[in-house]
Amino acid sequence: MKQKILIADDERDIIDFLKYNLEKEGFDVLTAKNGIEAVAQAKKNPSLILLDVMMPEMDGLEAVRTLKKNSATAKIPVIFLTARGSEVDEVVGLELGADDYIVKPVSIPKLMARIKLTLRKKSFAKNDAGTDTDILRHGIIEINRSHYKVYISKKETFFPKKEFEVLTFLVRNAGKVVTRETLLSQIWGSDVYVIDRTVDVHIRKIREKLGNNADYIDTIKGVGYRMKE
């Protein structure tokens, strides 16, 4: 069965362009021209939603709030695809529960890579549901996977999406050495070009947020990292 993608955008030309390219990739496509229609179409259980921020009647941010409040639509992956490129907008979008935030214009190959990566993560989480929970605890760290929240020493601390995913992966594999290549593959995907240094930067930022407990994460020189047991 084909996977369905819901596109919500108030510009018809963009919808038509995205619909054409998604159908070429083998997806079925649903469309909506504002947040209200997007929430209604989400009841058809799409595999993923591509959502603009600036739309009439109900904008993308409010649409995500509405979707996440409904148990029937809360777990549908959402990617914001928008011209609003400020860091504040991205932080707000991710805090609301979006899986990714992409600023227009974006090339079709890059967009398709990000969509497929998000869908793979959804499939992985579904297959792993029997052995894991939405809440992960490791020492002072508590991770709420379904709400993308992290608590350090019981204090909520904001982690951007990639930092959140790196931390979650390390916690789930506590005690094991995780190579940079594994993190790049699992978090960024093989279709997206990033370098080893990207992982190091994210680890540094995570350690900063761990504060006095930064030594929770060991560096295995020349290999990668390990979350202490």
Protein backbone atom coordinates (compact mmCIF):
# COMPACT_ATOMS: atom_id res chain seq x y z
CA MET A 1 0.00 0.00 0.00
CA LYS A 2 1.28 3.45 -0.94
CA GLN A 3 2.13 5.90 1.82
CA LYS A 4 0.06 9.08 1.90
CA ILE A 5 1.53 12.54 2.27
CA LEU A 6 -0.66 15.49 3.24
CA ILE A 7 0.49 18.86 1.85
CA ALA A 8 -0.94 21.99 3.50
CA ASP A 9 -0.04 25.28 1.82
CA ASP A 10 -2.05 28.31 0.76
CA GLU A 11 -0.17 28.66 -2.55
CA ARG A 12 -1.68 26.48 -5.26
CA ASP A 13 1.49 26.49 -7.37
CA ILE A 14 3.51 25.06 -4.48
CA ILE A 15 0.91 22.37 -3.80
CA ASP A 16 0.86 21.36 -7.47
CA PHE A 17 4.67 21.28 -7.66
CA LEU A 18 5.07 19.20 -4.52
CA LYS A 19 2.18 16.90 -5.45
CA TYR A 20 3.74 16.17 -8.86
CA ASN A 21 7.13 15.31 -7.36
CA LEU A 22 5.73 13.23 -4.49
CA GLU A 23 3.57 11.20 -6.86
CA LYS A 24 6.67 10.59 -9.01
CA GLU A 25 8.27 9.10 -5.90
CA GLY A 26 5.32 6.74 -5.45
CA PHE A 27 3.34 8.54 -2.74
CA ASP A 28 -0.37 9.19 -2.66
CA VAL A 29 -1.05 12.87 -1.94
CA LEU A 30 -3.72 14.71 0.03
CA THR A 31 -3.90 18.52 -0.06
CA ALA A 32 -5.18 21.36 2.09
CA LYS A 33 -5.03 25.14 1.65
CA ASN A 34 -5.10 26.11 5.33
CA GLY A 35 -4.73 24.69 8.82
CA ILE A 36 -8.42 23.93 9.23
CA GLU A 37 -8.44 21.76 6.11
CA ALA A 38 -5.16 20.15 7.19
CA VAL A 39 -6.64 19.08 10.53
CA ALA A 40 -9.69 17.66 8.73
CA GLN A 41 -7.57 15.79 6.15
CA ALA A 42 -5.35 14.40 8.90
CA LYS A 43 -8.30 12.21 9.93
CA LYS A 44 -7.54 10.19 6.77
CA ASN A 45 -4.37 9.03 8.55
CA PRO A 46 -1.58 10.24 6.24
CA SER A 47 1.89 8.84 6.80
CA LEU A 48 3.32 12.36 7.05
CA ILE A 49 2.21 16.00 6.86
CA LEU A 50 4.10 18.75 5.01
CA LEU A 51 2.89 21.94 6.62
CA ASP A 52 3.36 25.61 5.79
CA VAL A 53 3.43 28.06 8.71
CA MET A 54 1.79 31.13 7.19
CA MET A 55 -1.71 30.17 6.09
CA PRO A 56 -5.12 31.85 6.40
CA GLU A 57 -7.89 30.89 8.86
CA MET A 58 -5.56 28.64 10.89
CA ASP A 59 -1.78 28.85 10.56
CA GLY A 60 0.57 25.89 10.66
CA LEU A 61 1.59 26.35 14.29
CA GLU A 62 -2.00 26.28 15.50
CA ALA A 63 -2.69 23.30 13.25
CA VAL A 64 0.13 21.35 14.93
CA ARG A 65 -1.19 22.28 18.37
CA THR A 66 -4.58 20.92 17.35
CA LEU A 67 -3.16 17.74 15.83
CA LYS A 68 -1.03 16.94 18.88
CA LYS A 69 -4.01 17.33 21.22
CA ASN A 70 -5.96 14.63 19.38
CA SER A 71 -4.82 11.07 20.13
CA ALA A 72 -5.91 10.00 16.63
CA THR A 73 -3.49 12.42 14.92
CA ALA A 74 -0.86 13.12 17.59
CA LYS A 75 1.67 10.62 16.27
CA ILE A 76 1.53 11.63 12.59
CA PRO A 77 4.98 13.02 11.67
CA VAL A 78 4.94 16.69 10.71
CA ILE A 79 7.54 18.56 8.66
CA PHE A 80 7.24 22.32 8.48
CA LEU A 81 8.06 23.58 4.97
CA THR A 82 8.00 27.35 5.20
CA ALA A 83 9.58 30.63 4.13
CA ARG A 84 9.86 31.67 7.79
CA GLY A 85 13.49 30.95 8.52
CA SER A 86 14.15 32.57 11.89
CA GLU A 87 15.59 30.48 14.71
CA VAL A 88 12.67 31.48 16.94
CA ASP A 89 10.14 30.11 14.46
CA GLU A 90 12.09 26.86 14.15
CA VAL A 91 12.36 26.46 17.93
CA VAL A 92 8.62 27.08 18.37
CA GLY A 93 7.77 24.60 15.61
CA LEU A 94 9.94 21.86 17.07
CA GLU A 95 8.75 22.52 20.62
CA LEU A 96 5.19 22.02 19.41
CA GLY A 97 6.18 18.54 18.24
CA ALA A 98 7.15 18.90 14.58
CA ASP A 99 9.66 16.31 13.37
CA ASP A 100 11.58 18.65 11.09
CA TYR A 101 11.67 22.29 9.99
CA ILE A 102 12.73 23.07 6.42
CA VAL A 103 13.07 26.58 5.04
CA LYS A 104 11.97 27.33 1.48
CA PRO A 105 13.33 27.19 -1.13
CA VAL A 106 14.61 23.64 -0.87
CA SER A 107 15.70 21.29 -3.64
CA ILE A 108 13.41 18.37 -4.36
CA PRO A 109 16.16 15.73 -3.79
CA LYS A 110 16.91 17.20 -0.35
CA LEU A 111 13.22 17.43 0.54
CA MET A 112 12.62 13.83 -0.51
CA ALA A 113 15.62 12.69 1.56
CA ARG A 114 14.25 14.44 4.66
CA ILE A 115 10.76 12.99 4.09
CA LYS A 116 12.10 9.45 3.68
CA LEU A 117 14.31 9.83 6.76
CA THR A 118 11.33 10.93 8.86
CA LEU A 119 9.26 8.02 7.58
CA ARG A 120 12.07 5.56 8.37
CA LYS A 121 12.25 6.87 11.91
CA LYS A 122 8.49 6.46 12.27
CA SER A 123 8.75 2.87 11.05
CA PHE A 124 11.67 2.16 13.40
CA ALA A 125 9.78 3.56 16.39
CA LYS A 126 6.69 1.51 15.50
CA ASN A 127 8.67 -1.71 15.17
CA ASP A 128 10.48 -1.01 18.41
CA ALA A 129 7.32 -0.17 20.37
CA GLY A 130 7.23 -3.53 22.07
CA THR A 131 10.65 -3.09 23.67
CA ASP A 132 10.68 0.59 24.53
CA THR A 133 8.49 3.25 26.10
CA ASP A 134 7.83 6.92 25.50
CA ILE A 135 9.67 7.77 28.73
CA LEU A 136 13.40 7.06 29.02
CA ARG A 137 15.27 7.64 32.29
CA HIS A 138 19.01 7.56 32.79
CA GLY A 139 20.42 9.07 35.96
CA ILE A 140 19.53 12.76 35.99
CA ILE A 141 18.16 12.53 32.44
CA GLU A 142 14.49 11.96 31.65
CA ILE A 143 13.34 11.94 28.02
CA ASN A 144 9.71 12.13 26.95
CA ARG A 145 9.89 10.89 23.38
CA SER A 146 6.27 11.50 22.43
CA HIS A 147 6.39 15.17 23.49
CA TYR A 148 10.03 15.87 22.57
CA LYS A 149 10.87 17.03 26.07
CA VAL A 150 14.03 16.51 28.12
CA TYR A 151 14.39 17.01 31.86
CA ILE A 152 17.83 17.42 33.41
CA SER A 153 17.73 16.99 37.20
CA LYS A 154 13.92 17.34 36.89
CA LYS A 155 14.25 20.72 35.14
CA GLU A 156 12.87 20.92 31.61
CA THR A 157 15.68 21.79 29.20
CA PHE A 158 15.12 22.58 25.53
CA PHE A 159 16.95 20.36 23.05
CA PRO A 160 16.64 21.12 19.31
CA LYS A 161 15.48 18.13 17.31
CA LYS A 162 18.87 16.71 16.29
CA GLU A 163 20.35 17.13 19.77
CA PHE A 164 17.24 15.44 21.17
CA GLU A 165 17.66 12.50 18.80
CA VAL A 166 21.38 12.13 19.49
CA LEU A 167 20.78 12.16 23.25
CA THR A 168 17.92 9.67 22.93
CA PHE A 169 20.01 7.32 20.81
CA LEU A 170 22.90 7.42 23.29
CA VAL A 171 20.59 6.82 26.27
CA ARG A 172 18.88 3.90 24.55
CA ASN A 173 22.33 2.43 23.90
CA ALA A 174 23.86 3.30 27.28
CA GLY A 175 27.07 1.39 27.95
CA LYS A 176 27.71 0.74 24.26
CA VAL A 177 30.22 2.56 22.09
CA VAL A 178 28.36 4.38 19.31
CA THR A 179 30.45 5.40 16.32
CA ARG A 180 30.10 8.74 14.60
CA GLU A 181 29.13 6.87 11.44
CA THR A 182 26.26 5.16 13.28
CA LEU A 183 24.97 8.47 14.62
CA LEU A 184 25.20 10.08 11.18
CA SER A 185 23.32 7.19 9.61
CA GLN A 186 20.62 6.86 12.29
CA ILE A 187 20.00 10.57 12.97
CA TRP A 188 20.74 12.33 9.69
CA GLY A 189 20.30 9.45 7.26
CA SER A 190 22.50 8.27 4.43
CA ASP A 191 20.70 10.50 1.92
CA VAL A 192 21.70 13.74 3.68
CA TYR A 193 25.32 14.87 3.43
CA VAL A 194 26.85 15.91 6.74
CA ILE A 195 30.35 15.47 8.17
CA ASP A 196 31.71 13.81 11.32
CA ARG A 197 32.30 17.25 12.82
CA THR A 198 28.52 17.75 12.87
CA VAL A 199 28.21 14.96 15.44
CA ASP A 200 30.97 16.45 17.58
CA VAL A 201 29.25 19.85 17.65
CA HIS A 202 25.96 18.29 18.75
CA ILE A 203 27.70 16.27 21.49
CA ARG A 204 29.40 19.46 22.76
CA LYS A 205 26.04 21.24 22.98
CA ILE A 206 24.46 18.29 24.77
CA ARG A 207 27.30 18.23 27.29
CA GLU A 208 26.82 21.95 27.93
CA LYS A 209 23.20 21.26 28.85
CA LEU A 210 24.21 18.41 31.14
CA GLY A 211 26.31 20.92 33.07
CA ASN A 212 28.17 19.30 35.96
CA ASN A 213 27.16 15.91 34.58
CA ALA A 214 28.77 16.39 31.16
CA ASP A 215 30.94 13.36 31.91
CA TYR A 216 27.86 11.16 31.41
CA ILE A 217 29.11 11.02 27.80
CA ASP A 218 32.54 9.50 27.24
CA THR A 219 34.58 10.27 24.14
CA ILE A 220 36.10 7.16 22.59
CA LYS A 221 39.00 8.71 20.72
CA GLY A 222 38.94 8.06 17.00
CA VAL A 223 35.68 6.09 17.23
CA GLY A 224 32.73 7.90 18.73
CA TYR A 225 30.90 8.23 22.05
CA ARG A 226 29.43 6.20 24.89
CA MET A 227 26.74 7.08 27.39
CA LYS A 228 27.92 5.75 30.76
CA GLU A 229 25.78 3.05 32.32
